[in-house]
Amino acid sequence: MHISEAQRAPAETGAQKKQALGMLVVAVVITLFTYQVFHHGLWGKLVSYGKKPALVLTGTAVTPRTLKLAVYNTGGPGTYGEFTTRVTIAAHGRPIDVWTSHQLALTPAGSIHNYYPF
């Protein structure tokens, strides 16, 4: 098979290599800049929003035998997931009942409903 001159790929020139390197440098600078500005990236305090996520409780209902609540993470998905480690029911700022992580671990799996299943 014979390839004509029109079908051959053009040879890279020194100018094209410089242009590609320049575009690479610009892309890296933009990436690091946005990482620094929005996430306190390379120079500044490292912030982990997943350490203490902002949770919102909705649909809370309490009866003598049950507690129904919906927990939403308003900060977006976490890398490792979020875990409810303590639930406190309070009235007028005074705790009425507290469930620790050990008591919550005894919750039957059938009683937990994930709105966004994996």
PDB file of N, CA and C in Angstrom:
ATOM      1  N   MET A   1       0.847  -1.176   0.000  1.00  0.00           N
ATOM      2  CA  MET A   1       0.000   0.000   0.000  1.00  0.00           C
ATOM      3  C   MET A   1       0.889   1.235   0.000  1.00  0.00           C
ATOM      4  N   HIS A   2       0.554   2.130  -0.855  1.00  0.00           N
ATOM      5  CA  HIS A   2       1.354   3.334  -1.009  1.00  0.00           C
ATOM      6  C   HIS A   2       0.602   4.514  -0.394  1.00  0.00           C
ATOM      7  N   ILE A   3       1.289   5.284   0.449  1.00  0.00           N
ATOM      8  CA  ILE A   3       0.683   6.463   1.084  1.00  0.00           C
ATOM      9  C   ILE A   3       1.165   7.693   0.345  1.00  0.00           C
ATOM     10  N   SER A   4       0.208   8.482  -0.086  1.00  0.00           N
ATOM     11  CA  SER A   4       0.586   9.685  -0.818  1.00  0.00           C
ATOM     12  C   SER A   4       1.037  10.767   0.150  1.00  0.00           C
ATOM     13  N   GLU A   5       1.620  11.812  -0.391  1.00  0.00           N
ATOM     14  CA  GLU A   5       2.124  12.924   0.426  1.00  0.00           C
ATOM     15  C   GLU A   5       0.984  13.612   1.179  1.00  0.00           C
ATOM     16  N   ALA A   6      -0.203  13.676   0.607  1.00  0.00           N
ATOM     17  CA  ALA A   6      -1.340  14.358   1.238  1.00  0.00           C
ATOM     18  C   ALA A   6      -1.856  13.584   2.442  1.00  0.00           C
ATOM     19  N   GLN A   7      -1.652  12.252   2.481  1.00  0.00           N
ATOM     20  CA  GLN A   7      -2.177  11.433   3.565  1.00  0.00           C
ATOM     21  C   GLN A   7      -1.219  11.309   4.742  1.00  0.00           C
ATOM     22  N   ARG A   8       0.011  11.678   4.590  1.00  0.00           N
ATOM     23  CA  ARG A   8       0.989  11.568   5.664  1.00  0.00           C
ATOM     24  C   ARG A   8       0.682  12.577   6.770  1.00  0.00           C
ATOM     25  N   ALA A   9       0.928  12.158   8.008  1.00  0.00           N
ATOM     26  CA  ALA A   9       0.755  13.071   9.140  1.00  0.00           C
ATOM     27  C   ALA A   9       1.881  14.090   9.123  1.00  0.00           C
ATOM     28  N   PRO A  10       1.570  15.337   9.432  1.00  0.00           N
ATOM     29  CA  PRO A  10       2.631  16.345   9.421  1.00  0.00           C
ATOM     30  C   PRO A  10       3.635  16.083  10.547  1.00  0.00           C
ATOM     31  N   ALA A  11       4.861  16.346  10.287  1.00  0.00           N
ATOM     32  CA  ALA A  11       5.903  16.165  11.294  1.00  0.00           C
ATOM     33  C   ALA A  11       5.774  17.261  12.348  1.00  0.00           C
ATOM     34  N   GLU A  12       6.039  16.887  13.608  1.00  0.00           N
ATOM     35  CA  GLU A  12       5.983  17.884  14.663  1.00  0.00           C
ATOM     36  C   GLU A  12       7.123  18.862  14.509  1.00  0.00           C
ATOM     37  N   THR A  13       6.802  20.085  14.731  1.00  0.00           N
ATOM     38  CA  THR A  13       7.833  21.113  14.636  1.00  0.00           C
ATOM     39  C   THR A  13       8.193  21.583  16.036  1.00  0.00           C
ATOM     40  N   GLY A  14       9.254  22.309  16.128  1.00  0.00           N
ATOM     41  CA  GLY A  14       9.671  22.859  17.417  1.00  0.00           C
ATOM     42  C   GLY A  14       8.619  23.811  17.971  1.00  0.00           C
ATOM     43  N   ALA A  15       7.938  24.545  17.081  1.00  0.00           N
ATOM     44  CA  ALA A  15       6.905  25.484  17.523  1.00  0.00           C
ATOM     45  C   ALA A  15       5.717  24.744  18.128  1.00  0.00           C
ATOM     46  N   GLN A  16       5.352  23.597  17.559  1.00  0.00           N
ATOM     47  CA  GLN A  16       4.243  22.818  18.105  1.00  0.00           C
ATOM     48  C   GLN A  16       4.597  22.259  19.475  1.00  0.00           C
ATOM     49  N   LYS A  17       5.830  21.822  19.655  1.00  0.00           N
ATOM     50  CA  LYS A  17       6.256  21.303  20.954  1.00  0.00           C
ATOM     51  C   LYS A  17       6.237  22.403  22.004  1.00  0.00           C
ATOM     52  N   LYS A  18       6.672  23.599  21.647  1.00  0.00           N
ATOM     53  CA  LYS A  18       6.649  24.731  22.583  1.00  0.00           C
ATOM     54  C   LYS A  18       5.216  25.112  22.925  1.00  0.00           C
ATOM     55  N   GLN A  19       4.340  25.067  21.930  1.00  0.00           N
ATOM     56  CA  GLN A  19       2.933  25.394  22.166  1.00  0.00           C
ATOM     57  C   GLN A  19       2.291  24.358  23.093  1.00  0.00           C
ATOM     58  N   ALA A  20       2.576  23.084  22.893  1.00  0.00           N
ATOM     59  CA  ALA A  20       2.028  22.036  23.760  1.00  0.00           C
ATOM     60  C   ALA A  20       2.551  22.184  25.184  1.00  0.00           C
ATOM     61  N   LEU A  21       3.827  22.479  25.337  1.00  0.00           N
ATOM     62  CA  LEU A  21       4.398  22.675  26.664  1.00  0.00           C
ATOM     63  C   LEU A  21       3.776  23.896  27.343  1.00  0.00           C
ATOM     64  N   GLY A  22       3.580  24.953  26.587  1.00  0.00           N
ATOM     65  CA  GLY A  22       2.939  26.157  27.131  1.00  0.00           C
ATOM     66  C   GLY A  22       1.515  25.880  27.594  1.00  0.00           C
ATOM     67  N   MET A  23       0.766  25.131  26.813  1.00  0.00           N
ATOM     68  CA  MET A  23      -0.613  24.781  27.196  1.00  0.00           C
ATOM     69  C   MET A  23      -0.616  23.910  28.441  1.00  0.00           C
ATOM     70  N   LEU A  24       0.354  23.005  28.557  1.00  0.00           N
ATOM     71  CA  LEU A  24       0.470  22.163  29.747  1.00  0.00           C
ATOM     72  C   LEU A  24       0.725  23.018  30.987  1.00  0.00           C
ATOM     73  N   VAL A  25       1.636  23.962  30.877  1.00  0.00           N
ATOM     74  CA  VAL A  25       1.955  24.842  32.007  1.00  0.00           C
ATOM     75  C   VAL A  25       0.727  25.661  32.400  1.00  0.00           C
ATOM     76  N   VAL A  26       0.004  26.195  31.441  1.00  0.00           N
ATOM     77  CA  VAL A  26      -1.205  26.972  31.732  1.00  0.00           C
ATOM     78  C   VAL A  26      -2.243  26.099  32.431  1.00  0.00           C
ATOM     79  N   ALA A  27      -2.442  24.872  31.971  1.00  0.00           N
ATOM     80  CA  ALA A  27      -3.422  23.977  32.593  1.00  0.00           C
ATOM     81  C   ALA A  27      -3.036  23.654  34.035  1.00  0.00           C
ATOM     82  N   VAL A  28      -1.754  23.413  34.285  1.00  0.00           N
ATOM     83  CA  VAL A  28      -1.297  23.111  35.648  1.00  0.00           C
ATOM     84  C   VAL A  28      -1.485  24.326  36.545  1.00  0.00           C
ATOM     85  N   VAL A  29      -1.158  25.508  36.076  1.00  0.00           N
ATOM     86  CA  VAL A  29      -1.314  26.738  36.869  1.00  0.00           C
ATOM     87  C   VAL A  29      -2.786  26.979  37.201  1.00  0.00           C
ATOM     88  N   ILE A  30      -3.667  26.821  36.236  1.00  0.00           N
ATOM     89  CA  ILE A  30      -5.106  27.013  36.490  1.00  0.00           C
ATOM     90  C   ILE A  30      -5.608  25.993  37.507  1.00  0.00           C
ATOM     91  N   THR A  31      -5.187  24.742  37.372  1.00  0.00           N
ATOM     92  CA  THR A  31      -5.615  23.695  38.304  1.00  0.00           C
ATOM     93  C   THR A  31      -5.154  23.994  39.719  1.00  0.00           C
ATOM     94  N   LEU A  32      -3.892  24.336  39.891  1.00  0.00           N
ATOM     95  CA  LEU A  32      -3.372  24.643  41.228  1.00  0.00           C
ATOM     96  C   LEU A  32      -3.994  25.906  41.798  1.00  0.00           C
ATOM     97  N   PHE A  33      -4.263  26.901  40.956  1.00  0.00           N
ATOM     98  CA  PHE A  33      -4.895  28.135  41.419  1.00  0.00           C
ATOM     99  C   PHE A  33      -6.294  27.865  41.955  1.00  0.00           C
ATOM    100  N   THR A  34      -7.104  27.126  41.194  1.00  0.00           N
ATOM    101  CA  THR A  34      -8.468  26.853  41.663  1.00  0.00           C
ATOM    102  C   THR A  34      -8.456  25.959  42.896  1.00  0.00           C
ATOM    103  N   TYR A  35      -7.516  25.039  42.981  1.00  0.00           N
ATOM    104  CA  TYR A  35      -7.393  24.195  44.168  1.00  0.00           C
ATOM    105  C   TYR A  35      -7.042  25.039  45.387  1.00  0.00           C
ATOM    106  N   GLN A  36      -6.154  26.006  45.213  1.00  0.00           N
ATOM    107  CA  GLN A  36      -5.769  26.885  46.315  1.00  0.00           C
ATOM    108  C   GLN A  36      -6.933  27.775  46.740  1.00  0.00           C
ATOM    109  N   VAL A  37      -7.628  28.368  45.795  1.00  0.00           N
ATOM    110  CA  VAL A  37      -8.698  29.311  46.109  1.00  0.00           C
ATOM    111  C   VAL A  37      -9.905  28.618  46.732  1.00  0.00           C
ATOM    112  N   PHE A  38     -10.336  27.520  46.166  1.00  0.00           N
ATOM    113  CA  PHE A  38     -11.581  26.899  46.605  1.00  0.00           C
ATOM    114  C   PHE A  38     -11.402  25.869  47.710  1.00  0.00           C
ATOM    115  N   HIS A  39     -10.208  25.313  47.866  1.00  0.00           N
ATOM    116  CA  HIS A  39     -10.009  24.242  48.852  1.00  0.00           C
ATOM    117  C   HIS A  39      -8.836  24.505  49.786  1.00  0.00           C
ATOM    118  N   HIS A  40      -8.283  25.705  49.781  1.00  0.00           N
ATOM    119  CA  HIS A  40      -7.148  26.073  50.630  1.00  0.00           C
ATOM    120  C   HIS A  40      -5.975  25.136  50.382  1.00  0.00           C
ATOM    121  N   GLY A  41      -5.831  24.719  49.166  1.00  0.00           N
ATOM    122  CA  GLY A  41      -4.906  23.698  48.690  1.00  0.00           C
ATOM    123  C   GLY A  41      -3.493  23.648  49.196  1.00  0.00           C
ATOM    124  N   LEU A  42      -2.539  24.045  48.383  1.00  0.00           N
ATOM    125  CA  LEU A  42      -1.131  23.814  48.675  1.00  0.00           C
ATOM    126  C   LEU A  42      -0.605  24.699  49.795  1.00  0.00           C
ATOM    127  N   TRP A  43      -1.009  25.964  49.819  1.00  0.00           N
ATOM    128  CA  TRP A  43      -0.512  26.899  50.825  1.00  0.00           C
ATOM    129  C   TRP A  43      -1.696  27.388  51.635  1.00  0.00           C
ATOM    130  N   GLY A  44      -1.868  26.837  52.799  1.00  0.00           N
ATOM    131  CA  GLY A  44      -2.979  27.229  53.664  1.00  0.00           C
ATOM    132  C   GLY A  44      -3.456  26.049  54.463  1.00  0.00           C
ATOM    133  N   LYS A  45      -4.453  26.307  55.252  1.00  0.00           N
ATOM    134  CA  LYS A  45      -4.994  25.273  56.129  1.00  0.00           C
ATOM    135  C   LYS A  45      -5.766  24.247  55.300  1.00  0.00           C
ATOM    136  N   LEU A  46      -5.444  22.983  55.498  1.00  0.00           N
ATOM    137  CA  LEU A  46      -6.167  21.919  54.822  1.00  0.00           C
ATOM    138  C   LEU A  46      -7.507  21.729  55.511  1.00  0.00           C
ATOM    139  N   VAL A  47      -8.572  21.801  54.759  1.00  0.00           N
ATOM    140  CA  VAL A  47      -9.915  21.701  55.309  1.00  0.00           C
ATOM    141  C   VAL A  47     -10.522  20.372  54.883  1.00  0.00           C
ATOM    142  N   SER A  48     -11.005  19.628  55.843  1.00  0.00           N
ATOM    143  CA  SER A  48     -11.701  18.385  55.556  1.00  0.00           C
ATOM    144  C   SER A  48     -13.169  18.576  55.919  1.00  0.00           C
ATOM    145  N   TYR A  49     -13.994  18.822  54.908  1.00  0.00           N
ATOM    146  CA  TYR A  49     -15.414  19.056  55.158  1.00  0.00           C
ATOM    147  C   TYR A  49     -16.116  17.790  55.616  1.00  0.00           C
ATOM    148  N   GLY A  50     -15.505  16.636  55.383  1.00  0.00           N
ATOM    149  CA  GLY A  50     -16.104  15.382  55.794  1.00  0.00           C
ATOM    150  C   GLY A  50     -15.876  15.061  57.265  1.00  0.00           C
ATOM    151  N   LYS A  51     -14.974  15.802  57.923  1.00  0.00           N
ATOM    152  CA  LYS A  51     -14.671  15.506  59.321  1.00  0.00           C
ATOM    153  C   LYS A  51     -15.881  15.777  60.209  1.00  0.00           C
ATOM    154  N   LYS A  52     -16.521  16.898  60.008  1.00  0.00           N
ATOM    155  CA  LYS A  52     -17.753  17.236  60.731  1.00  0.00           C
ATOM    156  C   LYS A  52     -18.759  17.713  59.681  1.00  0.00           C
ATOM    157  N   PRO A  53     -19.458  16.784  59.043  1.00  0.00           N
ATOM    158  CA  PRO A  53     -20.371  17.173  57.966  1.00  0.00           C
ATOM    159  C   PRO A  53     -21.573  17.961  58.499  1.00  0.00           C
ATOM    160  N   ALA A  54     -22.100  18.812  57.633  1.00  0.00           N
ATOM    161  CA  ALA A  54     -23.304  19.571  57.969  1.00  0.00           C
ATOM    162  C   ALA A  54     -24.507  18.685  57.676  1.00  0.00           C
ATOM    163  N   LEU A  55     -25.194  18.260  58.711  1.00  0.00           N
ATOM    164  CA  LEU A  55     -26.340  17.368  58.554  1.00  0.00           C
ATOM    165  C   LEU A  55     -27.624  18.115  58.873  1.00  0.00           C
ATOM    166  N   VAL A  56     -28.670  17.780  58.139  1.00  0.00           N
ATOM    167  CA  VAL A  56     -29.982  18.359  58.362  1.00  0.00           C
ATOM    168  C   VAL A  56     -30.946  17.216  58.671  1.00  0.00           C
ATOM    169  N   LEU A  57     -31.719  17.379  59.733  1.00  0.00           N
ATOM    170  CA  LEU A  57     -32.728  16.382  60.102  1.00  0.00           C
ATOM    171  C   LEU A  57     -34.091  16.870  59.644  1.00  0.00           C
ATOM    172  N   THR A  58     -34.832  15.974  58.984  1.00  0.00           N
ATOM    173  CA  THR A  58     -36.186  16.311  58.559  1.00  0.00           C
ATOM    174  C   THR A  58     -37.108  15.151  58.894  1.00  0.00           C
ATOM    175  N   GLY A  59     -38.377  15.427  58.959  1.00  0.00           N
ATOM    176  CA  GLY A  59     -39.366  14.375  59.182  1.00  0.00           C
ATOM    177  C   GLY A  59     -39.213  13.672  60.509  1.00  0.00           C
ATOM    178  N   THR A  60     -38.766  14.380  61.539  1.00  0.00           N
ATOM    179  CA  THR A  60     -38.543  13.757  62.832  1.00  0.00           C
ATOM    180  C   THR A  60     -39.866  13.513  63.542  1.00  0.00           C
ATOM    181  N   ALA A  61     -40.044  12.288  64.033  1.00  0.00           N
ATOM    182  CA  ALA A  61     -41.243  11.925  64.793  1.00  0.00           C
ATOM    183  C   ALA A  61     -40.827  10.986  65.918  1.00  0.00           C
ATOM    184  N   VAL A  62     -41.335  11.262  67.117  1.00  0.00           N
ATOM    185  CA  VAL A  62     -40.978  10.462  68.284  1.00  0.00           C
ATOM    186  C   VAL A  62     -42.251   9.899  68.900  1.00  0.00           C
ATOM    187  N   THR A  63     -42.224   8.598  69.149  1.00  0.00           N
ATOM    188  CA  THR A  63     -43.292   7.945  69.905  1.00  0.00           C
ATOM    189  C   THR A  63     -42.618   7.213  71.066  1.00  0.00           C
ATOM    190  N   PRO A  64     -43.367   6.681  72.004  1.00  0.00           N
ATOM    191  CA  PRO A  64     -42.710   5.995  73.122  1.00  0.00           C
ATOM    192  C   PRO A  64     -41.813   4.822  72.689  1.00  0.00           C
ATOM    193  N   ARG A  65     -42.065   4.225  71.523  1.00  0.00           N
ATOM    194  CA  ARG A  65     -41.270   3.059  71.111  1.00  0.00           C
ATOM    195  C   ARG A  65     -40.397   3.299  69.881  1.00  0.00           C
ATOM    196  N   THR A  66     -40.591   4.400  69.171  1.00  0.00           N
ATOM    197  CA  THR A  66     -39.848   4.592  67.918  1.00  0.00           C
ATOM    198  C   THR A  66     -39.354   6.025  67.771  1.00  0.00           C
ATOM    199  N   LEU A  67     -38.317   6.136  66.981  1.00  0.00           N
ATOM    200  CA  LEU A  67     -37.797   7.437  66.554  1.00  0.00           C
ATOM    201  C   LEU A  67     -37.659   7.365  65.044  1.00  0.00           C
ATOM    202  N   LYS A  68     -38.299   8.295  64.351  1.00  0.00           N
ATOM    203  CA  LYS A  68     -38.222   8.331  62.896  1.00  0.00           C
ATOM    204  C   LYS A  68     -37.583   9.654  62.513  1.00  0.00           C
ATOM    205  N   LEU A  69     -36.524   9.574  61.709  1.00  0.00           N
ATOM    206  CA  LEU A  69     -35.880  10.793  61.240  1.00  0.00           C
ATOM    207  C   LEU A  69     -35.191  10.533  59.921  1.00  0.00           C
ATOM    208  N   ALA A  70     -35.032  11.590  59.161  1.00  0.00           N
ATOM    209  CA  ALA A  70     -34.291  11.530  57.900  1.00  0.00           C
ATOM    210  C   ALA A  70     -33.081  12.438  58.051  1.00  0.00           C
ATOM    211  N   VAL A  71     -31.904  11.903  57.770  1.00  0.00           N
ATOM    212  CA  VAL A  71     -30.654  12.641  57.905  1.00  0.00           C
ATOM    213  C   VAL A  71     -30.108  12.908  56.513  1.00  0.00           C
ATOM    214  N   TYR A  72     -29.865  14.176  56.212  1.00  0.00           N
ATOM    215  CA  TYR A  72     -29.311  14.569  54.920  1.00  0.00           C
ATOM    216  C   TYR A  72     -27.997  15.297  55.140  1.00  0.00           C
ATOM    217  N   ASN A  73     -26.994  14.964  54.331  1.00  0.00           N
ATOM    218  CA  ASN A  73     -25.718  15.672  54.350  1.00  0.00           C
ATOM    219  C   ASN A  73     -25.796  16.754  53.280  1.00  0.00           C
ATOM    220  N   THR A  74     -25.841  18.013  53.703  1.00  0.00           N
ATOM    221  CA  THR A  74     -25.979  19.114  52.749  1.00  0.00           C
ATOM    222  C   THR A  74     -24.655  19.494  52.113  1.00  0.00           C
ATOM    223  N   GLY A  75     -23.557  18.927  52.607  1.00  0.00           N
ATOM    224  CA  GLY A  75     -22.241  19.264  52.064  1.00  0.00           C
ATOM    225  C   GLY A  75     -21.810  18.380  50.918  1.00  0.00           C
ATOM    226  N   GLY A  76     -22.682  17.526  50.429  1.00  0.00           N
ATOM    227  CA  GLY A  76     -22.307  16.640  49.334  1.00  0.00           C
ATOM    228  C   GLY A  76     -21.810  15.315  49.853  1.00  0.00           C
ATOM    229  N   PRO A  77     -21.495  14.419  48.946  1.00  0.00           N
ATOM    230  CA  PRO A  77     -21.071  13.086  49.371  1.00  0.00           C
ATOM    231  C   PRO A  77     -19.693  13.116  50.024  1.00  0.00           C
ATOM    232  N   GLY A  78     -19.508  12.245  50.982  1.00  0.00           N
ATOM    233  CA  GLY A  78     -18.223  12.134  51.655  1.00  0.00           C
ATOM    234  C   GLY A  78     -17.390  11.040  51.027  1.00  0.00           C
ATOM    235  N   THR A  79     -16.105  11.122  51.218  1.00  0.00           N
ATOM    236  CA  THR A  79     -15.213  10.120  50.656  1.00  0.00           C
ATOM    237  C   THR A  79     -15.397   8.769  51.324  1.00  0.00           C
ATOM    238  N   TYR A  80     -15.508   8.781  52.619  1.00  0.00           N
ATOM    239  CA  TYR A  80     -15.615   7.540  53.369  1.00  0.00           C
ATOM    240  C   TYR A  80     -17.020   7.283  53.877  1.00  0.00           C
ATOM    241  N   GLY A  81     -17.954   8.144  53.577  1.00  0.00           N
ATOM    242  CA  GLY A  81     -19.301   8.021  54.096  1.00  0.00           C
ATOM    243  C   GLY A  81     -19.423   8.724  55.440  1.00  0.00           C
ATOM    244  N   GLU A  82     -20.630   8.946  55.855  1.00  0.00           N
ATOM    245  CA  GLU A  82     -20.870   9.563  57.150  1.00  0.00           C
ATOM    246  C   GLU A  82     -21.520   8.539  58.058  1.00  0.00           C
ATOM    247  N   PHE A  83     -21.237   8.661  59.316  1.00  0.00           N
ATOM    248  CA  PHE A  83     -21.763   7.721  60.287  1.00  0.00           C
ATOM    249  C   PHE A  83     -22.430   8.504  61.403  1.00  0.00           C
ATOM    250  N   THR A  84     -23.639   8.093  61.752  1.00  0.00           N
ATOM    251  CA  THR A  84     -24.330   8.700  62.884  1.00  0.00           C
ATOM    252  C   THR A  84     -23.808   8.009  64.133  1.00  0.00           C
ATOM    253  N   THR A  85     -23.127   8.768  64.972  1.00  0.00           N
ATOM    254  CA  THR A  85     -22.499   8.179  66.153  1.00  0.00           C
ATOM    255  C   THR A  85     -23.225   8.531  67.442  1.00  0.00           C
ATOM    256  N   ARG A  86     -24.166   9.476  67.349  1.00  0.00           N
ATOM    257  CA  ARG A  86     -24.900   9.873  68.556  1.00  0.00           C
ATOM    258  C   ARG A  86     -26.186  10.565  68.140  1.00  0.00           C
ATOM    259  N   VAL A  87     -27.272  10.183  68.778  1.00  0.00           N
ATOM    260  CA  VAL A  87     -28.565  10.835  68.554  1.00  0.00           C
ATOM    261  C   VAL A  87     -29.072  11.305  69.908  1.00  0.00           C
ATOM    262  N   THR A  88     -29.377  12.595  69.991  1.00  0.00           N
ATOM    263  CA  THR A  88     -29.877  13.177  71.238  1.00  0.00           C
ATOM    264  C   THR A  88     -31.239  13.788  70.981  1.00  0.00           C
ATOM    265  N   ILE A  89     -32.209  13.418  71.784  1.00  0.00           N
ATOM    266  CA  ILE A  89     -33.533  14.051  71.733  1.00  0.00           C
ATOM    267  C   ILE A  89     -33.554  15.074  72.860  1.00  0.00           C
ATOM    268  N   ALA A  90     -33.852  16.306  72.502  1.00  0.00           N
ATOM    269  CA  ALA A  90     -33.843  17.381  73.489  1.00  0.00           C
ATOM    270  C   ALA A  90     -35.144  18.171  73.391  1.00  0.00           C
ATOM    271  N   ALA A  91     -35.553  18.699  74.512  1.00  0.00           N
ATOM    272  CA  ALA A  91     -36.710  19.591  74.578  1.00  0.00           C
ATOM    273  C   ALA A  91     -36.294  20.806  75.385  1.00  0.00           C
ATOM    274  N   HIS A  92     -36.492  21.962  74.802  1.00  0.00           N
ATOM    275  CA  HIS A  92     -36.135  23.226  75.453  1.00  0.00           C
ATOM    276  C   HIS A  92     -34.660  23.244  75.850  1.00  0.00           C
ATOM    277  N   GLY A  93     -33.808  22.655  75.010  1.00  0.00           N
ATOM    278  CA  GLY A  93     -32.375  22.662  75.246  1.00  0.00           C
ATOM    279  C   GLY A  93     -31.874  21.637  76.241  1.00  0.00           C
ATOM    280  N   ARG A  94     -32.768  20.835  76.809  1.00  0.00           N
ATOM    281  CA  ARG A  94     -32.353  19.817  77.785  1.00  0.00           C
ATOM    282  C   ARG A  94     -32.494  18.430  77.158  1.00  0.00           C
ATOM    283  N   PRO A  95     -31.459  17.601  77.232  1.00  0.00           N
ATOM    284  CA  PRO A  95     -31.548  16.260  76.645  1.00  0.00           C
ATOM    285  C   PRO A  95     -32.554  15.385  77.386  1.00  0.00           C
ATOM    286  N   ILE A  96     -33.390  14.710  76.595  1.00  0.00           N
ATOM    287  CA  ILE A  96     -34.368  13.784  77.158  1.00  0.00           C
ATOM    288  C   ILE A  96     -33.851  12.356  77.056  1.00  0.00           C
ATOM    289  N   ASP A  97     -33.284  12.045  75.892  1.00  0.00           N
ATOM    290  CA  ASP A  97     -32.757  10.703  75.682  1.00  0.00           C
ATOM    291  C   ASP A  97     -31.555  10.800  74.745  1.00  0.00           C
ATOM    292  N   VAL A  98     -30.581   9.917  74.944  1.00  0.00           N
ATOM    293  CA  VAL A  98     -29.368   9.908  74.135  1.00  0.00           C
ATOM    294  C   VAL A  98     -29.083   8.472  73.726  1.00  0.00           C
ATOM    295  N   TRP A  99     -28.822   8.293  72.423  1.00  0.00           N
ATOM    296  CA  TRP A  99     -28.390   6.993  71.912  1.00  0.00           C
ATOM    297  C   TRP A  99     -26.948   7.138  71.476  1.00  0.00           C
ATOM    298  N   THR A 100     -26.078   6.305  72.002  1.00  0.00           N
ATOM    299  CA  THR A 100     -24.663   6.330  71.630  1.00  0.00           C
ATOM    300  C   THR A 100     -24.432   5.425  70.418  1.00  0.00           C
ATOM    301  N   SER A 101     -23.200   5.402  69.945  1.00  0.00           N
ATOM    302  CA  SER A 101     -22.876   4.570  68.784  1.00  0.00           C
ATOM    303  C   SER A 101     -23.101   3.087  69.077  1.00  0.00           C
ATOM    304  N   HIS A 102     -22.885   2.670  70.328  1.00  0.00           N
ATOM    305  CA  HIS A 102     -23.096   1.260  70.683  1.00  0.00           C
ATOM    306  C   HIS A 102     -24.582   0.896  70.614  1.00  0.00           C
ATOM    307  N   GLN A 103     -25.442   1.802  71.082  1.00  0.00           N
ATOM    308  CA  GLN A 103     -26.878   1.543  71.019  1.00  0.00           C
ATOM    309  C   GLN A 103     -27.380   1.621  69.577  1.00  0.00           C
ATOM    310  N   LEU A 104     -26.855   2.556  68.808  1.00  0.00           N
ATOM    311  CA  LEU A 104     -27.268   2.677  67.403  1.00  0.00           C
ATOM    312  C   LEU A 104     -26.822   1.472  66.586  1.00  0.00           C
ATOM    313  N   ALA A 105     -25.705   0.860  66.962  1.00  0.00           N
ATOM    314  CA  ALA A 105     -25.208  -0.329  66.243  1.00  0.00           C
ATOM    315  C   ALA A 105     -26.158  -1.503  66.379  1.00  0.00           C
ATOM    316  N   LEU A 106     -26.998  -1.485  67.399  1.00  0.00           N
ATOM    317  CA  LEU A 106     -27.963  -2.572  67.609  1.00  0.00           C
ATOM    318  C   LEU A 106     -29.245  -2.388  66.794  1.00  0.00           C
ATOM    319  N   THR A 107     -29.338  -1.287  66.054  1.00  0.00           N
ATOM    320  CA  THR A 107     -30.509  -1.042  65.218  1.00  0.00           C
ATOM    321  C   THR A 107     -30.570  -2.096  64.119  1.00  0.00           C
ATOM    322  N   PRO A 108     -31.703  -2.782  63.968  1.00  0.00           N
ATOM    323  CA  PRO A 108     -31.809  -3.803  62.910  1.00  0.00           C
ATOM    324  C   PRO A 108     -31.641  -3.180  61.521  1.00  0.00           C
ATOM    325  N   ALA A 109     -30.971  -3.885  60.647  1.00  0.00           N
ATOM    326  CA  ALA A 109     -30.722  -3.383  59.291  1.00  0.00           C
ATOM    327  C   ALA A 109     -32.024  -3.082  58.558  1.00  0.00           C
ATOM    328  N   GLY A 110     -33.080  -3.837  58.845  1.00  0.00           N
ATOM    329  CA  GLY A 110     -34.372  -3.602  58.200  1.00  0.00           C
ATOM    330  C   GLY A 110     -35.027  -2.307  58.618  1.00  0.00           C
ATOM    331  N   SER A 111     -34.527  -1.689  59.692  1.00  0.00           N
ATOM    332  CA  SER A 111     -35.093  -0.425  60.166  1.00  0.00           C
ATOM    333  C   SER A 111     -34.411   0.788  59.549  1.00  0.00           C
ATOM    334  N   ILE A 112     -33.366   0.551  58.777  1.00  0.00           N
ATOM    335  CA  ILE A 112     -32.619   1.647  58.143  1.00  0.00           C
ATOM    336  C   ILE A 112     -32.904   1.622  56.648  1.00  0.00           C
ATOM    337  N   HIS A 113     -33.345   2.747  56.131  1.00  0.00           N
ATOM    338  CA  HIS A 113     -33.674   2.856  54.707  1.00  0.00           C
ATOM    339  C   HIS A 113     -32.843   3.937  54.079  1.00  0.00           C
ATOM    340  N   ASN A 114     -31.948   3.579  53.163  1.00  0.00           N
ATOM    341  CA  ASN A 114     -31.120   4.554  52.449  1.00  0.00           C
ATOM    342  C   ASN A 114     -31.893   5.067  51.259  1.00  0.00           C
ATOM    343  N   TYR A 115     -32.014   6.377  51.185  1.00  0.00           N
ATOM    344  CA  TYR A 115     -32.681   6.986  50.037  1.00  0.00           C
ATOM    345  C   TYR A 115     -31.825   6.866  48.790  1.00  0.00           C
ATOM    346  N   TYR A 116     -30.504   6.935  48.974  1.00  0.00           N
ATOM    347  CA  TYR A 116     -29.558   6.782  47.871  1.00  0.00           C
ATOM    348  C   TYR A 116     -28.771   5.502  48.094  1.00  0.00           C
ATOM    349  N   PRO A 117     -29.320   4.356  47.704  1.00  0.00           N
ATOM    350  CA  PRO A 117     -28.610   3.094  47.942  1.00  0.00           C
ATOM    351  C   PRO A 117     -27.358   3.007  47.058  1.00  0.00           C
ATOM    352  N   PHE A 118     -26.420   2.185  47.479  1.00  0.00           N
ATOM    353  CA  PHE A 118     -25.188   1.991  46.718  1.00  0.00           C
ATOM    354  C   PHE A 118     -25.422   1.039  45.591  1.00  0.00           C
TER     355      PHE A 118
END
